[in-house]
Protein backbone atom coordinates (compact mmCIF):
# COMPACT_ATOMS: atom_id res chain seq x y z
CA MET A 1 44.65 40.11 -34.52
CA SER A 2 43.49 43.76 -34.09
CA THR A 3 44.20 45.69 -30.83
CA ALA A 4 41.79 48.10 -29.34
CA VAL A 5 43.51 51.23 -27.70
CA VAL A 6 41.66 53.31 -25.12
CA ILE A 7 43.15 56.48 -24.06
CA ASP A 8 41.61 58.37 -21.16
CA VAL A 9 42.51 62.04 -20.70
CA LYS A 10 41.48 64.62 -18.26
CA LEU A 11 41.85 68.27 -19.72
CA LYS A 12 42.68 71.35 -17.74
CA PRO A 13 39.28 73.21 -17.43
CA GLU A 14 40.73 76.34 -18.99
CA SER A 15 42.23 74.44 -21.98
CA ILE A 16 39.00 72.45 -23.05
CA ALA A 17 38.46 74.74 -26.17
CA GLU A 18 42.14 74.81 -27.16
CA ALA A 19 42.40 70.88 -26.63
CA LYS A 20 39.30 70.36 -28.77
CA ALA A 21 40.73 72.63 -31.64
CA PHE A 22 44.06 70.76 -31.31
CA ILE A 23 42.48 67.24 -31.40
CA LYS A 24 40.45 68.21 -34.47
CA GLU A 25 43.68 69.40 -36.26
CA VAL A 26 45.57 66.16 -35.56
CA LEU A 27 42.80 63.48 -36.04
CA PRO A 28 43.19 63.24 -39.88
CA GLU A 29 46.72 62.35 -39.63
CA MET A 30 46.10 59.85 -36.75
CA ARG A 31 43.23 58.21 -38.64
CA ALA A 32 45.47 57.99 -41.68
CA TYR A 33 48.49 56.65 -39.93
CA LYS A 34 49.60 53.19 -41.02
CA GLY A 35 47.85 50.53 -39.01
CA CYS A 36 45.06 52.78 -37.62
CA GLN A 37 41.72 51.15 -38.59
CA SER A 38 39.38 53.50 -36.78
CA LEU A 39 39.36 56.19 -34.18
CA GLU A 40 36.60 57.97 -32.23
CA VAL A 41 36.81 60.48 -29.60
CA TYR A 42 34.21 60.66 -26.86
CA GLN A 43 33.47 63.30 -24.27
CA ASP A 44 32.04 62.47 -20.73
CA GLN A 45 28.47 63.52 -20.37
CA ASP A 46 29.09 64.38 -16.81
CA GLY A 47 32.22 66.54 -17.20
CA GLU A 48 33.47 68.04 -20.38
CA SER A 49 37.08 67.92 -19.23
CA SER A 50 37.20 64.17 -19.40
CA MET A 51 37.60 62.60 -22.88
CA LEU A 52 38.27 59.05 -24.17
CA PHE A 53 40.00 58.05 -27.42
CA TYR A 54 38.84 54.66 -28.70
CA SER A 55 40.76 53.28 -31.67
CA ILE A 56 41.46 50.11 -33.43
CA TRP A 57 44.90 49.38 -34.64
CA ASP A 58 46.39 46.49 -36.59
CA SER A 59 48.67 45.77 -33.61
CA ARG A 60 49.87 47.31 -30.41
CA GLN A 61 53.25 47.91 -32.16
CA HIS A 62 51.44 50.04 -34.87
CA HIS A 63 50.03 52.25 -32.16
CA GLU A 64 53.30 52.44 -30.28
CA THR A 65 55.08 53.44 -33.45
CA TYR A 66 52.59 56.19 -33.96
CA LEU A 67 52.90 57.32 -30.49
CA ALA A 68 56.78 57.50 -30.84
CA TRP A 69 56.31 59.55 -33.97
CA ARG A 70 54.01 62.05 -32.06
CA GLN A 71 56.71 62.20 -29.28
CA GLU A 72 59.51 62.84 -31.55
CA SER A 73 57.74 65.61 -33.38
CA GLY A 74 56.81 67.29 -30.15
CA THR A 75 53.08 67.04 -30.88
CA PHE A 76 52.52 64.67 -27.84
CA ASP A 77 54.13 67.14 -25.56
CA GLN A 78 51.97 69.89 -26.86
CA PHE A 79 48.91 67.90 -25.97
CA LYS A 80 50.12 66.84 -22.61
CA ALA A 81 50.51 70.53 -21.75
CA LEU A 82 46.67 70.75 -22.09
CA LEU A 83 46.03 67.89 -19.60
CA ALA A 84 45.39 68.12 -15.90
CA GLU A 85 47.16 64.74 -15.37
CA PRO A 86 48.93 62.13 -17.48
CA PRO A 87 46.76 60.18 -19.93
CA THR A 88 46.09 56.40 -19.17
CA PHE A 89 46.63 53.92 -21.97
CA ARG A 90 45.03 50.47 -22.23
CA TYR A 91 45.71 47.92 -24.91
CA LEU A 92 42.91 45.38 -25.38
CA ASP A 93 42.51 42.19 -27.26
CA ALA A 94 39.14 40.78 -28.31
CA THR A 95 38.26 37.68 -26.26
CA GLY A 96 36.35 35.87 -28.96
CA ILE A 97 33.43 35.58 -26.49
């Protein structure tokens, strides 16, 4: 069964433009990573520093493997430096309802 992954981030106000450029640069690799079925990035209508990543993965393990790769490469730390607070991760399963 597929897993939805929701990542909520709050960017430093002074880093918004840099963060958007960074995200745009790394999205193709993320979307092409093994197990990623889809990925969309949303920006809060009431505050441009709040963004949400919504993706579908083959499994939680696939996303965690991807995240470990980003951490090992240092890319994740580069992104975290642009954030006002740590990101929140949620892993969701479809209910079938």
